[in-house]
Amino acid sequence: MDDIYNNLDFTSFPTSLNPKSIDEKYLPDFKGREHMDYLLNPKITEDEIVMDGELWFYKFKLLENREGDLYLCFWDKAKQGTYDVRKPMVIRKYGNDYVAIALNPTPLNGECERYVQ
């Protein structure tokens, strides 16, 4: 999960981080950005990455590894307002980068509600 945190190209899937990024492509790229320090201090376990800030909450939960395709649930939630998106996706590593290759894959459709909490 450390490798995913450091090398996941978050521009390869829709997320609330995309409008906040200028030159950022990976979560650690937000170093030095005001009010985004929570992205730099994630809680990483064997199967989760959790970034909990004052205004936003992000979580990646690993569900399966199928021959190098990693099935994740992603939770993107505003703590003020109603933005609350939970979506399954498949990521794959190309070189050093992990990129999303599928959103809402059929085998996981609806599974994120159960796992992401």
PDB file of N, CA and C in Angstrom:
ATOM      1  N   MET A   1       0.822  -1.195   0.000  1.00  0.00           N
ATOM      2  CA  MET A   1       0.000   0.000   0.000  1.00  0.00           C
ATOM      3  C   MET A   1       0.866   1.259   0.000  1.00  0.00           C
ATOM      4  N   ASP A   2       2.065   1.163   0.588  1.00  0.00           N
ATOM      5  CA  ASP A   2       2.982   2.313   0.525  1.00  0.00           C
ATOM      6  C   ASP A   2       3.319   2.652  -0.916  1.00  0.00           C
ATOM      7  N   ASP A   3       3.571   1.616  -1.716  1.00  0.00           N
ATOM      8  CA  ASP A   3       3.910   1.821  -3.121  1.00  0.00           C
ATOM      9  C   ASP A   3       2.744   2.466  -3.872  1.00  0.00           C
ATOM     10  N   ILE A   4       1.528   2.028  -3.569  1.00  0.00           N
ATOM     11  CA  ILE A   4       0.351   2.625  -4.203  1.00  0.00           C
ATOM     12  C   ILE A   4       0.227   4.087  -3.791  1.00  0.00           C
ATOM     13  N   TYR A   5       0.388   4.376  -2.504  1.00  0.00           N
ATOM     14  CA  TYR A   5       0.297   5.768  -2.040  1.00  0.00           C
ATOM     15  C   TYR A   5       1.295   6.658  -2.790  1.00  0.00           C
ATOM     16  N   ASN A   6       2.511   6.197  -2.926  1.00  0.00           N
ATOM     17  CA  ASN A   6       3.566   7.017  -3.534  1.00  0.00           C
ATOM     18  C   ASN A   6       3.496   7.103  -5.052  1.00  0.00           C
ATOM     19  N   ASN A   7       2.860   6.125  -5.700  1.00  0.00           N
ATOM     20  CA  ASN A   7       2.936   6.045  -7.166  1.00  0.00           C
ATOM     21  C   ASN A   7       1.604   5.958  -7.891  1.00  0.00           C
ATOM     22  N   LEU A   8       0.494   6.160  -7.184  1.00  0.00           N
ATOM     23  CA  LEU A   8      -0.805   6.143  -7.852  1.00  0.00           C
ATOM     24  C   LEU A   8      -1.032   7.475  -8.564  1.00  0.00           C
ATOM     25  N   ASP A   9      -1.249   7.399  -9.851  1.00  0.00           N
ATOM     26  CA  ASP A   9      -1.544   8.588 -10.651  1.00  0.00           C
ATOM     27  C   ASP A   9      -3.025   8.919 -10.462  1.00  0.00           C
ATOM     28  N   PHE A  10      -3.315   9.849  -9.541  1.00  0.00           N
ATOM     29  CA  PHE A  10      -4.716  10.156  -9.243  1.00  0.00           C
ATOM     30  C   PHE A  10      -5.385  10.908 -10.383  1.00  0.00           C
ATOM     31  N   THR A  11      -4.628  11.348 -11.372  1.00  0.00           N
ATOM     32  CA  THR A  11      -5.247  11.994 -12.533  1.00  0.00           C
ATOM     33  C   THR A  11      -5.831  10.963 -13.497  1.00  0.00           C
ATOM     34  N   SER A  12      -5.624   9.667 -13.220  1.00  0.00           N
ATOM     35  CA  SER A  12      -6.143   8.626 -14.111  1.00  0.00           C
ATOM     36  C   SER A  12      -7.573   8.210 -13.763  1.00  0.00           C
ATOM     37  N   PHE A  13      -8.172   8.851 -12.755  1.00  0.00           N
ATOM     38  CA  PHE A  13      -9.569   8.561 -12.402  1.00  0.00           C
ATOM     39  C   PHE A  13     -10.202   9.819 -11.822  1.00  0.00           C
ATOM     40  N   PRO A  14     -11.515   9.936 -11.889  1.00  0.00           N
ATOM     41  CA  PRO A  14     -12.181  11.140 -11.371  1.00  0.00           C
ATOM     42  C   PRO A  14     -12.095  11.199  -9.841  1.00  0.00           C
ATOM     43  N   THR A  15     -11.700  12.355  -9.336  1.00  0.00           N
ATOM     44  CA  THR A  15     -11.591  12.573  -7.902  1.00  0.00           C
ATOM     45  C   THR A  15     -11.687  14.060  -7.620  1.00  0.00           C
ATOM     46  N   SER A  16     -12.058  14.404  -6.415  1.00  0.00           N
ATOM     47  CA  SER A  16     -12.129  15.822  -6.041  1.00  0.00           C
ATOM     48  C   SER A  16     -10.750  16.463  -5.989  1.00  0.00           C
ATOM     49  N   LEU A  17      -9.698  15.684  -5.998  1.00  0.00           N
ATOM     50  CA  LEU A  17      -8.337  16.237  -6.005  1.00  0.00           C
ATOM     51  C   LEU A  17      -7.960  16.837  -7.354  1.00  0.00           C
ATOM     52  N   ASN A  18      -8.554  16.348  -8.425  1.00  0.00           N
ATOM     53  CA  ASN A  18      -8.157  16.812  -9.760  1.00  0.00           C
ATOM     54  C   ASN A  18      -8.278  18.317  -9.932  1.00  0.00           C
ATOM     55  N   PRO A  19      -9.369  18.972  -9.502  1.00  0.00           N
ATOM     56  CA  PRO A  19      -9.421  20.431  -9.661  1.00  0.00           C
ATOM     57  C   PRO A  19      -8.410  21.174  -8.774  1.00  0.00           C
ATOM     58  N   LYS A  20      -7.910  20.512  -7.729  1.00  0.00           N
ATOM     59  CA  LYS A  20      -6.950  21.142  -6.823  1.00  0.00           C
ATOM     60  C   LYS A  20      -5.519  21.012  -7.327  1.00  0.00           C
ATOM     61  N   SER A  21      -5.308  20.143  -8.293  1.00  0.00           N
ATOM     62  CA  SER A  21      -3.950  19.897  -8.756  1.00  0.00           C
ATOM     63  C   SER A  21      -3.577  20.863  -9.876  1.00  0.00           C
ATOM     64  N   ILE A  22      -2.337  21.261  -9.838  1.00  0.00           N
ATOM     65  CA  ILE A  22      -1.778  22.091 -10.905  1.00  0.00           C
ATOM     66  C   ILE A  22      -0.705  21.260 -11.596  1.00  0.00           C
ATOM     67  N   ASP A  23       0.343  20.966 -10.854  1.00  0.00           N
ATOM     68  CA  ASP A  23       1.405  20.112 -11.375  1.00  0.00           C
ATOM     69  C   ASP A  23       1.428  18.763 -10.674  1.00  0.00           C
ATOM     70  N   GLU A  24       0.522  18.552  -9.716  1.00  0.00           N
ATOM     71  CA  GLU A  24       0.527  17.333  -8.938  1.00  0.00           C
ATOM     72  C   GLU A  24      -0.065  16.171  -9.737  1.00  0.00           C
ATOM     73  N   LYS A  25       0.568  15.007  -9.558  1.00  0.00           N
ATOM     74  CA  LYS A  25       0.106  13.791 -10.208  1.00  0.00           C
ATOM     75  C   LYS A  25      -0.036  12.655  -9.187  1.00  0.00           C
ATOM     76  N   TYR A  26       0.759  12.725  -8.132  1.00  0.00           N
ATOM     77  CA  TYR A  26       0.762  11.728  -7.062  1.00  0.00           C
ATOM     78  C   TYR A  26       0.428  12.429  -5.750  1.00  0.00           C
ATOM     79  N   LEU A  27      -0.095  11.701  -4.787  1.00  0.00           N
ATOM     80  CA  LEU A  27      -0.480  12.306  -3.512  1.00  0.00           C
ATOM     81  C   LEU A  27       0.680  13.025  -2.811  1.00  0.00           C
ATOM     82  N   PRO A  28       1.900  12.456  -2.764  1.00  0.00           N
ATOM     83  CA  PRO A  28       2.995  13.174  -2.106  1.00  0.00           C
ATOM     84  C   PRO A  28       3.371  14.496  -2.787  1.00  0.00           C
ATOM     85  N   ASP A  29       2.922  14.719  -4.021  1.00  0.00           N
ATOM     86  CA  ASP A  29       3.221  15.964  -4.731  1.00  0.00           C
ATOM     87  C   ASP A  29       2.562  17.179  -4.087  1.00  0.00           C
ATOM     88  N   PHE A  30       1.605  16.971  -3.185  1.00  0.00           N
ATOM     89  CA  PHE A  30       0.922  18.088  -2.539  1.00  0.00           C
ATOM     90  C   PHE A  30       1.732  18.694  -1.393  1.00  0.00           C
ATOM     91  N   LYS A  31       2.953  18.236  -1.209  1.00  0.00           N
ATOM     92  CA  LYS A  31       3.813  18.785  -0.152  1.00  0.00           C
ATOM     93  C   LYS A  31       3.944  20.293  -0.327  1.00  0.00           C
ATOM     94  N   GLY A  32       3.715  21.007   0.771  1.00  0.00           N
ATOM     95  CA  GLY A  32       3.822  22.452   0.738  1.00  0.00           C
ATOM     96  C   GLY A  32       2.535  23.170   0.389  1.00  0.00           C
ATOM     97  N   ARG A  33       1.507  22.448  -0.013  1.00  0.00           N
ATOM     98  CA  ARG A  33       0.217  23.075  -0.341  1.00  0.00           C
ATOM     99  C   ARG A  33      -0.562  23.329   0.946  1.00  0.00           C
ATOM    100  N   GLU A  34      -1.032  24.532   1.116  1.00  0.00           N
ATOM    101  CA  GLU A  34      -1.765  24.927   2.313  1.00  0.00           C
ATOM    102  C   GLU A  34      -3.045  24.104   2.475  1.00  0.00           C
ATOM    103  N   HIS A  35      -3.313  23.678   3.689  1.00  0.00           N
ATOM    104  CA  HIS A  35      -4.506  22.912   4.064  1.00  0.00           C
ATOM    105  C   HIS A  35      -4.568  21.529   3.423  1.00  0.00           C
ATOM    106  N   MET A  36      -3.444  21.020   2.925  1.00  0.00           N
ATOM    107  CA  MET A  36      -3.463  19.708   2.299  1.00  0.00           C
ATOM    108  C   MET A  36      -2.445  18.774   2.950  1.00  0.00           C
ATOM    109  N   ASP A  37      -1.938  19.153   4.127  1.00  0.00           N
ATOM    110  CA  ASP A  37      -0.921  18.350   4.792  1.00  0.00           C
ATOM    111  C   ASP A  37      -1.422  16.959   5.183  1.00  0.00           C
ATOM    112  N   TYR A  38      -2.728  16.791   5.359  1.00  0.00           N
ATOM    113  CA  TYR A  38      -3.275  15.477   5.691  1.00  0.00           C
ATOM    114  C   TYR A  38      -3.008  14.451   4.583  1.00  0.00           C
ATOM    115  N   LEU A  39      -2.833  14.912   3.347  1.00  0.00           N
ATOM    116  CA  LEU A  39      -2.509  14.005   2.253  1.00  0.00           C
ATOM    117  C   LEU A  39      -1.103  13.434   2.413  1.00  0.00           C
ATOM    118  N   LEU A  40      -0.261  14.142   3.160  1.00  0.00           N
ATOM    119  CA  LEU A  40       1.132  13.740   3.315  1.00  0.00           C
ATOM    120  C   LEU A  40       1.351  12.870   4.545  1.00  0.00           C
ATOM    121  N   ASN A  41       0.339  12.726   5.384  1.00  0.00           N
ATOM    122  CA  ASN A  41       0.452  11.939   6.608  1.00  0.00           C
ATOM    123  C   ASN A  41      -0.626  10.858   6.647  1.00  0.00           C
ATOM    124  N   PRO A  42      -0.621   9.978   5.656  1.00  0.00           N
ATOM    125  CA  PRO A  42      -1.673   8.966   5.611  1.00  0.00           C
ATOM    126  C   PRO A  42      -1.453   7.890   6.667  1.00  0.00           C
ATOM    127  N   LYS A  43      -2.529   7.235   7.016  1.00  0.00           N
ATOM    128  CA  LYS A  43      -2.447   6.017   7.818  1.00  0.00           C
ATOM    129  C   LYS A  43      -2.494   4.869   6.824  1.00  0.00           C
ATOM    130  N   ILE A  44      -1.400   4.130   6.743  1.00  0.00           N
ATOM    131  CA  ILE A  44      -1.297   3.052   5.760  1.00  0.00           C
ATOM    132  C   ILE A  44      -1.181   1.726   6.498  1.00  0.00           C
ATOM    133  N   THR A  45      -2.062   0.801   6.129  1.00  0.00           N
ATOM    134  CA  THR A  45      -2.002  -0.547   6.676  1.00  0.00           C
ATOM    135  C   THR A  45      -1.780  -1.513   5.522  1.00  0.00           C
ATOM    136  N   GLU A  46      -1.900  -2.776   5.815  1.00  0.00           N
ATOM    137  CA  GLU A  46      -1.695  -3.821   4.808  1.00  0.00           C
ATOM    138  C   GLU A  46      -2.676  -3.711   3.651  1.00  0.00           C
ATOM    139  N   ASP A  47      -3.903  -3.200   3.927  1.00  0.00           N
ATOM    140  CA  ASP A  47      -4.907  -3.151   2.866  1.00  0.00           C
ATOM    141  C   ASP A  47      -5.654  -1.822   2.774  1.00  0.00           C
ATOM    142  N   GLU A  48      -5.156  -0.763   3.447  1.00  0.00           N
ATOM    143  CA  GLU A  48      -5.838   0.537   3.406  1.00  0.00           C
ATOM    144  C   GLU A  48      -4.866   1.698   3.402  1.00  0.00           C
ATOM    145  N   ILE A  49      -5.332   2.771   2.779  1.00  0.00           N
ATOM    146  CA  ILE A  49      -4.684   4.080   2.867  1.00  0.00           C
ATOM    147  C   ILE A  49      -5.787   5.042   3.294  1.00  0.00           C
ATOM    148  N   VAL A  50      -5.596   5.732   4.417  1.00  0.00           N
ATOM    149  CA  VAL A  50      -6.586   6.673   4.920  1.00  0.00           C
ATOM    150  C   VAL A  50      -5.928   8.034   5.085  1.00  0.00           C
ATOM    151  N   MET A  51      -6.553   9.056   4.498  1.00  0.00           N
ATOM    152  CA  MET A  51      -6.094  10.440   4.628  1.00  0.00           C
ATOM    153  C   MET A  51      -7.274  11.241   5.155  1.00  0.00           C
ATOM    154  N   ASP A  52      -7.164  11.673   6.395  1.00  0.00           N
ATOM    155  CA  ASP A  52      -8.273  12.308   7.093  1.00  0.00           C
ATOM    156  C   ASP A  52      -7.887  13.741   7.457  1.00  0.00           C
ATOM    157  N   GLY A  53      -8.473  14.686   6.761  1.00  0.00           N
ATOM    158  CA  GLY A  53      -8.175  16.099   7.000  1.00  0.00           C
ATOM    159  C   GLY A  53      -9.344  16.811   7.645  1.00  0.00           C
ATOM    160  N   GLU A  54      -9.158  18.093   7.870  1.00  0.00           N
ATOM    161  CA  GLU A  54     -10.196  18.905   8.484  1.00  0.00           C
ATOM    162  C   GLU A  54     -11.424  19.019   7.584  1.00  0.00           C
ATOM    163  N   LEU A  55     -11.196  19.128   6.278  1.00  0.00           N
ATOM    164  CA  LEU A  55     -12.295  19.337   5.347  1.00  0.00           C
ATOM    165  C   LEU A  55     -12.613  18.142   4.455  1.00  0.00           C
ATOM    166  N   TRP A  56     -11.635  17.222   4.277  1.00  0.00           N
ATOM    167  CA  TRP A  56     -11.821  16.107   3.351  1.00  0.00           C
ATOM    168  C   TRP A  56     -11.365  14.796   3.979  1.00  0.00           C
ATOM    169  N   PHE A  57     -11.941  13.703   3.481  1.00  0.00           N
ATOM    170  CA  PHE A  57     -11.574  12.354   3.892  1.00  0.00           C
ATOM    171  C   PHE A  57     -11.414  11.526   2.630  1.00  0.00           C
ATOM    172  N   TYR A  58     -10.274  10.834   2.519  1.00  0.00           N
ATOM    173  CA  TYR A  58     -10.022   9.944   1.394  1.00  0.00           C
ATOM    174  C   TYR A  58      -9.601   8.584   1.939  1.00  0.00           C
ATOM    175  N   LYS A  59     -10.077   7.537   1.298  1.00  0.00           N
ATOM    176  CA  LYS A  59      -9.704   6.194   1.719  1.00  0.00           C
ATOM    177  C   LYS A  59      -9.634   5.281   0.499  1.00  0.00           C
ATOM    178  N   PHE A  60      -8.560   4.494   0.434  1.00  0.00           N
ATOM    179  CA  PHE A  60      -8.410   3.439  -0.560  1.00  0.00           C
ATOM    180  C   PHE A  60      -8.387   2.117   0.195  1.00  0.00           C
ATOM    181  N   LYS A  61      -9.240   1.199  -0.185  1.00  0.00           N
ATOM    182  CA  LYS A  61      -9.333  -0.119   0.443  1.00  0.00           C
ATOM    183  C   LYS A  61      -9.055  -1.172  -0.619  1.00  0.00           C
ATOM    184  N   LEU A  62      -8.009  -1.974  -0.399  1.00  0.00           N
ATOM    185  CA  LEU A  62      -7.673  -3.052  -1.325  1.00  0.00           C
ATOM    186  C   LEU A  62      -8.618  -4.225  -1.075  1.00  0.00           C
ATOM    187  N   LEU A  63      -9.302  -4.662  -2.123  1.00  0.00           N
ATOM    188  CA  LEU A  63     -10.230  -5.782  -2.016  1.00  0.00           C
ATOM    189  C   LEU A  63      -9.635  -7.069  -2.563  1.00  0.00           C
ATOM    190  N   GLU A  64      -8.966  -6.975  -3.710  1.00  0.00           N
ATOM    191  CA  GLU A  64      -8.421  -8.169  -4.353  1.00  0.00           C
ATOM    192  C   GLU A  64      -7.206  -7.821  -5.198  1.00  0.00           C
ATOM    193  N   ASN A  65      -6.340  -8.806  -5.360  1.00  0.00           N
ATOM    194  CA  ASN A  65      -5.236  -8.726  -6.302  1.00  0.00           C
ATOM    195  C   ASN A  65      -5.413  -9.897  -7.255  1.00  0.00           C
ATOM    196  N   ARG A  66      -5.802  -9.597  -8.483  1.00  0.00           N
ATOM    197  CA  ARG A  66      -6.022 -10.635  -9.504  1.00  0.00           C
ATOM    198  C   ARG A  66      -4.937 -10.521 -10.562  1.00  0.00           C
ATOM    199  N   GLU A  67      -3.889 -11.280 -10.392  1.00  0.00           N
ATOM    200  CA  GLU A  67      -2.798 -11.337 -11.361  1.00  0.00           C
ATOM    201  C   GLU A  67      -2.264  -9.960 -11.708  1.00  0.00           C
ATOM    202  N   GLY A  68      -2.058  -9.122 -10.687  1.00  0.00           N
ATOM    203  CA  GLY A  68      -1.500  -7.792 -10.899  1.00  0.00           C
ATOM    204  C   GLY A  68      -2.517  -6.697 -11.061  1.00  0.00           C
ATOM    205  N   ASP A  69      -3.773  -7.052 -11.301  1.00  0.00           N
ATOM    206  CA  ASP A  69      -4.842  -6.050 -11.321  1.00  0.00           C
ATOM    207  C   ASP A  69      -5.352  -5.908  -9.891  1.00  0.00           C
ATOM    208  N   LEU A  70      -5.253  -4.701  -9.348  1.00  0.00           N
ATOM    209  CA  LEU A  70      -5.651  -4.457  -7.971  1.00  0.00           C
ATOM    210  C   LEU A  70      -7.041  -3.840  -7.944  1.00  0.00           C
ATOM    211  N   TYR A  71      -7.954  -4.493  -7.247  1.00  0.00           N
ATOM    212  CA  TYR A  71      -9.335  -4.031  -7.118  1.00  0.00           C
ATOM    213  C   TYR A  71      -9.441  -3.238  -5.820  1.00  0.00           C
ATOM    214  N   LEU A  72      -9.792  -1.969  -5.965  1.00  0.00           N
ATOM    215  CA  LEU A  72      -9.866  -1.062  -4.823  1.00  0.00           C
ATOM    216  C   LEU A  72     -11.245  -0.443  -4.714  1.00  0.00           C
ATOM    217  N   CYS A  73     -11.556  -0.019  -3.501  1.00  0.00           N
ATOM    218  CA  CYS A  73     -12.670   0.894  -3.286  1.00  0.00           C
ATOM    219  C   CYS A  73     -12.053   2.232  -2.887  1.00  0.00           C
ATOM    220  N   PHE A  74     -12.586   3.294  -3.437  1.00  0.00           N
ATOM    221  CA  PHE A  74     -12.102   4.635  -3.159  1.00  0.00           C
ATOM    222  C   PHE A  74     -13.245   5.454  -2.574  1.00  0.00           C
ATOM    223  N   TRP A  75     -12.985   6.091  -1.439  1.00  0.00           N
ATOM    224  CA  TRP A  75     -13.977   6.937  -0.781  1.00  0.00           C
ATOM    225  C   TRP A  75     -13.440   8.357  -0.781  1.00  0.00           C
ATOM    226  N   ASP A  76     -14.209   9.280  -1.295  1.00  0.00           N
ATOM    227  CA  ASP A  76     -13.846  10.693  -1.452  1.00  0.00           C
ATOM    228  C   ASP A  76     -14.990  11.489  -0.832  1.00  0.00           C
ATOM    229  N   LYS A  77     -14.758  12.056   0.360  1.00  0.00           N
ATOM    230  CA  LYS A  77     -15.859  12.663   1.109  1.00  0.00           C
ATOM    231  C   LYS A  77     -15.486  14.044   1.644  1.00  0.00           C
ATOM    232  N   ALA A  78     -16.376  15.001   1.396  1.00  0.00           N
ATOM    233  CA  ALA A  78     -16.247  16.334   1.983  1.00  0.00           C
ATOM    234  C   ALA A  78     -16.837  16.287   3.389  1.00  0.00           C
ATOM    235  N   LYS A  79     -16.150  16.905   4.331  1.00  0.00           N
ATOM    236  CA  LYS A  79     -16.668  16.944   5.701  1.00  0.00           C
ATOM    237  C   LYS A  79     -17.645  18.094   5.897  1.00  0.00           C
ATOM    238  N   GLN A  80     -17.631  19.027   4.981  1.00  0.00           N
ATOM    239  CA  GLN A  80     -18.624  20.103   4.962  1.00  0.00           C
ATOM    240  C   GLN A  80     -19.303  20.015   3.604  1.00  0.00           C
ATOM    241  N   GLY A  81     -20.598  19.930   3.602  1.00  0.00           N
ATOM    242  CA  GLY A  81     -21.312  19.768   2.339  1.00  0.00           C
ATOM    243  C   GLY A  81     -21.751  18.331   2.150  1.00  0.00           C
ATOM    244  N   THR A  82     -22.181  18.015   0.959  1.00  0.00           N
ATOM    245  CA  THR A  82     -22.790  16.710   0.709  1.00  0.00           C
ATOM    246  C   THR A  82     -21.975  15.814  -0.224  1.00  0.00           C
ATOM    247  N   TYR A  83     -20.812  16.259  -0.677  1.00  0.00           N
ATOM    248  CA  TYR A  83     -20.019  15.447  -1.593  1.00  0.00           C
ATOM    249  C   TYR A  83     -19.546  14.184  -0.877  1.00  0.00           C
ATOM    250  N   ASP A  84     -19.963  13.025  -1.356  1.00  0.00           N
ATOM    251  CA  ASP A  84     -19.622  11.754  -0.737  1.00  0.00           C
ATOM    252  C   ASP A  84     -19.679  10.684  -1.818  1.00  0.00           C
ATOM    253  N   VAL A  85     -18.526  10.349  -2.383  1.00  0.00           N
ATOM    254  CA  VAL A  85     -18.467   9.402  -3.495  1.00  0.00           C
ATOM    255  C   VAL A  85     -17.677   8.170  -3.065  1.00  0.00           C
ATOM    256  N   ARG A  86     -18.262   7.025  -3.327  1.00  0.00           N
ATOM    257  CA  ARG A  86     -17.593   5.751  -3.084  1.00  0.00           C
ATOM    258  C   ARG A  86     -17.644   4.976  -4.389  1.00  0.00           C
ATOM    259  N   LYS A  87     -16.479   4.596  -4.877  1.00  0.00           N
ATOM    260  CA  LYS A  87     -16.477   3.915  -6.172  1.00  0.00           C
ATOM    261  C   LYS A  87     -15.418   2.822  -6.215  1.00  0.00           C
ATOM    262  N   PRO A  88     -15.760   1.711  -6.863  1.00  0.00           N
ATOM    263  CA  PRO A  88     -14.762   0.676  -7.085  1.00  0.00           C
ATOM    264  C   PRO A  88     -13.951   1.001  -8.329  1.00  0.00           C
ATOM    265  N   MET A  89     -12.717   0.533  -8.331  1.00  0.00           N
ATOM    266  CA  MET A  89     -11.872   0.702  -9.509  1.00  0.00           C
ATOM    267  C   MET A  89     -10.815  -0.384  -9.538  1.00  0.00           C
ATOM    268  N   VAL A  90     -10.237  -0.543 -10.702  1.00  0.00           N
ATOM    269  CA  VAL A  90      -9.129  -1.461 -10.890  1.00  0.00           C
ATOM    270  C   VAL A  90      -7.923  -0.627 -11.291  1.00  0.00           C
ATOM    271  N   ILE A  91      -6.801  -0.875 -10.614  1.00  0.00           N
ATOM    272  CA  ILE A  91      -5.566  -0.196 -10.986  1.00  0.00           C
ATOM    273  C   ILE A  91      -4.529  -1.240 -11.385  1.00  0.00           C
ATOM    274  N   ARG A  92      -3.593  -0.791 -12.215  1.00  0.00           N
ATOM    275  CA  ARG A  92      -2.518  -1.663 -12.676  1.00  0.00           C
ATOM    276  C   ARG A  92      -1.232  -0.845 -12.691  1.00  0.00           C
ATOM    277  N   LYS A  93      -0.138  -1.526 -12.427  1.00  0.00           N
ATOM    278  CA  LYS A  93       1.158  -0.851 -12.404  1.00  0.00           C
ATOM    279  C   LYS A  93       1.812  -0.941 -13.782  1.00  0.00           C
ATOM    280  N   TYR A  94       2.220   0.221 -14.286  1.00  0.00           N
ATOM    281  CA  TYR A  94       2.979   0.341 -15.530  1.00  0.00           C
ATOM    282  C   TYR A  94       4.267   1.075 -15.188  1.00  0.00           C
ATOM    283  N   GLY A  95       5.392   0.406 -15.268  1.00  0.00           N
ATOM    284  CA  GLY A  95       6.647   1.012 -14.836  1.00  0.00           C
ATOM    285  C   GLY A  95       6.562   1.263 -13.345  1.00  0.00           C
ATOM    286  N   ASN A  96       6.710   2.518 -12.938  1.00  0.00           N
ATOM    287  CA  ASN A  96       6.592   2.882 -11.526  1.00  0.00           C
ATOM    288  C   ASN A  96       5.188   3.349 -11.152  1.00  0.00           C
ATOM    289  N   ASP A  97       4.364   3.622 -12.149  1.00  0.00           N
ATOM    290  CA  ASP A  97       3.056   4.235 -11.893  1.00  0.00           C
ATOM    291  C   ASP A  97       1.928   3.216 -11.818  1.00  0.00           C
ATOM    292  N   TYR A  98       1.010   3.462 -10.877  1.00  0.00           N
ATOM    293  CA  TYR A  98      -0.271   2.763 -10.847  1.00  0.00           C
ATOM    294  C   TYR A  98      -1.282   3.676 -11.526  1.00  0.00           C
ATOM    295  N   VAL A  99      -2.057   3.120 -12.436  1.00  0.00           N
ATOM    296  CA  VAL A  99      -3.091   3.899 -13.115  1.00  0.00           C
ATOM    297  C   VAL A  99      -4.406   3.122 -13.073  1.00  0.00           C
ATOM    298  N   ALA A 100      -5.497   3.870 -13.065  1.00  0.00           N
ATOM    299  CA  ALA A 100      -6.818   3.245 -13.102  1.00  0.00           C
ATOM    300  C   ALA A 100      -7.072   2.736 -14.504  1.00  0.00           C
ATOM    301  N   ILE A 101      -7.461   1.472 -14.600  1.00  0.00           N
ATOM    302  CA  ILE A 101      -7.766   0.894 -15.914  1.00  0.00           C
ATOM    303  C   ILE A 101      -9.258   0.599 -16.060  1.00  0.00           C
ATOM    304  N   ALA A 102      -9.997   0.635 -14.936  1.00  0.00           N
ATOM    305  CA  ALA A 102     -11.442   0.407 -14.995  1.00  0.00           C
ATOM    306  C   ALA A 102     -12.095   1.060 -13.789  1.00  0.00           C
ATOM    307  N   LEU A 103     -13.215   1.711 -14.038  1.00  0.00           N
ATOM    308  CA  LEU A 103     -14.030   2.276 -12.969  1.00  0.00           C
ATOM    309  C   LEU A 103     -15.332   1.496 -12.903  1.00  0.00           C
ATOM    310  N   ASN A 104     -15.832   1.283 -11.721  1.00  0.00           N
ATOM    311  CA  ASN A 104     -17.076   0.529 -11.506  1.00  0.00           C
ATOM    312  C   ASN A 104     -17.051  -0.830 -12.195  1.00  0.00           C
ATOM    313  N   PRO A 105     -15.993  -1.629 -11.974  1.00  0.00           N
ATOM    314  CA  PRO A 105     -15.956  -2.952 -12.619  1.00  0.00           C
ATOM    315  C   PRO A 105     -17.122  -3.812 -12.134  1.00  0.00           C
ATOM    316  N   THR A 106     -17.700  -4.547 -13.041  1.00  0.00           N
ATOM    317  CA  THR A 106     -18.904  -5.333 -12.758  1.00  0.00           C
ATOM    318  C   THR A 106     -18.781  -6.220 -11.521  1.00  0.00           C
ATOM    319  N   PRO A 107     -17.677  -6.950 -11.329  1.00  0.00           N
ATOM    320  CA  PRO A 107     -17.651  -7.822 -10.147  1.00  0.00           C
ATOM    321  C   PRO A 107     -17.715  -7.061  -8.826  1.00  0.00           C
ATOM    322  N   LEU A 108     -17.365  -5.789  -8.825  1.00  0.00           N
ATOM    323  CA  LEU A 108     -17.336  -5.021  -7.577  1.00  0.00           C
ATOM    324  C   LEU A 108     -18.441  -3.990  -7.473  1.00  0.00           C
ATOM    325  N   ASN A 109     -19.262  -3.865  -8.479  1.00  0.00           N
ATOM    326  CA  ASN A 109     -20.309  -2.844  -8.449  1.00  0.00           C
ATOM    327  C   ASN A 109     -21.166  -3.025  -7.198  1.00  0.00           C
ATOM    328  N   GLY A 110     -21.215  -2.019  -6.331  1.00  0.00           N
ATOM    329  CA  GLY A 110     -21.972  -2.074  -5.097  1.00  0.00           C
ATOM    330  C   GLY A 110     -21.185  -2.575  -3.897  1.00  0.00           C
ATOM    331  N   GLU A 111     -20.007  -3.142  -4.130  1.00  0.00           N
ATOM    332  CA  GLU A 111     -19.205  -3.680  -3.038  1.00  0.00           C
ATOM    333  C   GLU A 111     -18.596  -2.605  -2.146  1.00  0.00           C
ATOM    334  N   CYS A 112     -18.350  -1.424  -2.656  1.00  0.00           N
ATOM    335  CA  CYS A 112     -17.688  -0.386  -1.864  1.00  0.00           C
ATOM    336  C   CYS A 112     -18.522   0.054  -0.667  1.00  0.00           C
ATOM    337  N   GLU A 113     -19.803   0.046  -0.796  1.00  0.00           N
ATOM    338  CA  GLU A 113     -20.650   0.437   0.337  1.00  0.00           C
ATOM    339  C   GLU A 113     -20.373  -0.448   1.539  1.00  0.00           C
ATOM    340  N   ARG A 114     -20.074  -1.691   1.298  1.00  0.00           N
ATOM    341  CA  ARG A 114     -19.850  -2.638   2.375  1.00  0.00           C
ATOM    342  C   ARG A 114     -18.450  -2.511   2.964  1.00  0.00           C
ATOM    343  N   TYR A 115     -17.445  -2.260   2.132  1.00  0.00           N
ATOM    344  CA  TYR A 115     -16.056  -2.321   2.586  1.00  0.00           C
ATOM    345  C   TYR A 115     -15.460  -1.000   3.028  1.00  0.00           C
ATOM    346  N   VAL A 116     -15.946   0.103   2.555  1.00  0.00           N
ATOM    347  CA  VAL A 116     -15.240   1.367   2.730  1.00  0.00           C
ATOM    348  C   VAL A 116     -15.448   2.004   4.100  1.00  0.00           C
ATOM    349  N   GLN A 117     -16.425   1.580   4.848  1.00  0.00           N
ATOM    350  CA  GLN A 117     -16.736   2.227   6.125  1.00  0.00           C
ATOM    351  C   GLN A 117     -15.744   1.934   7.207  1.00  0.00           C
TER     352      GLN A 117
END
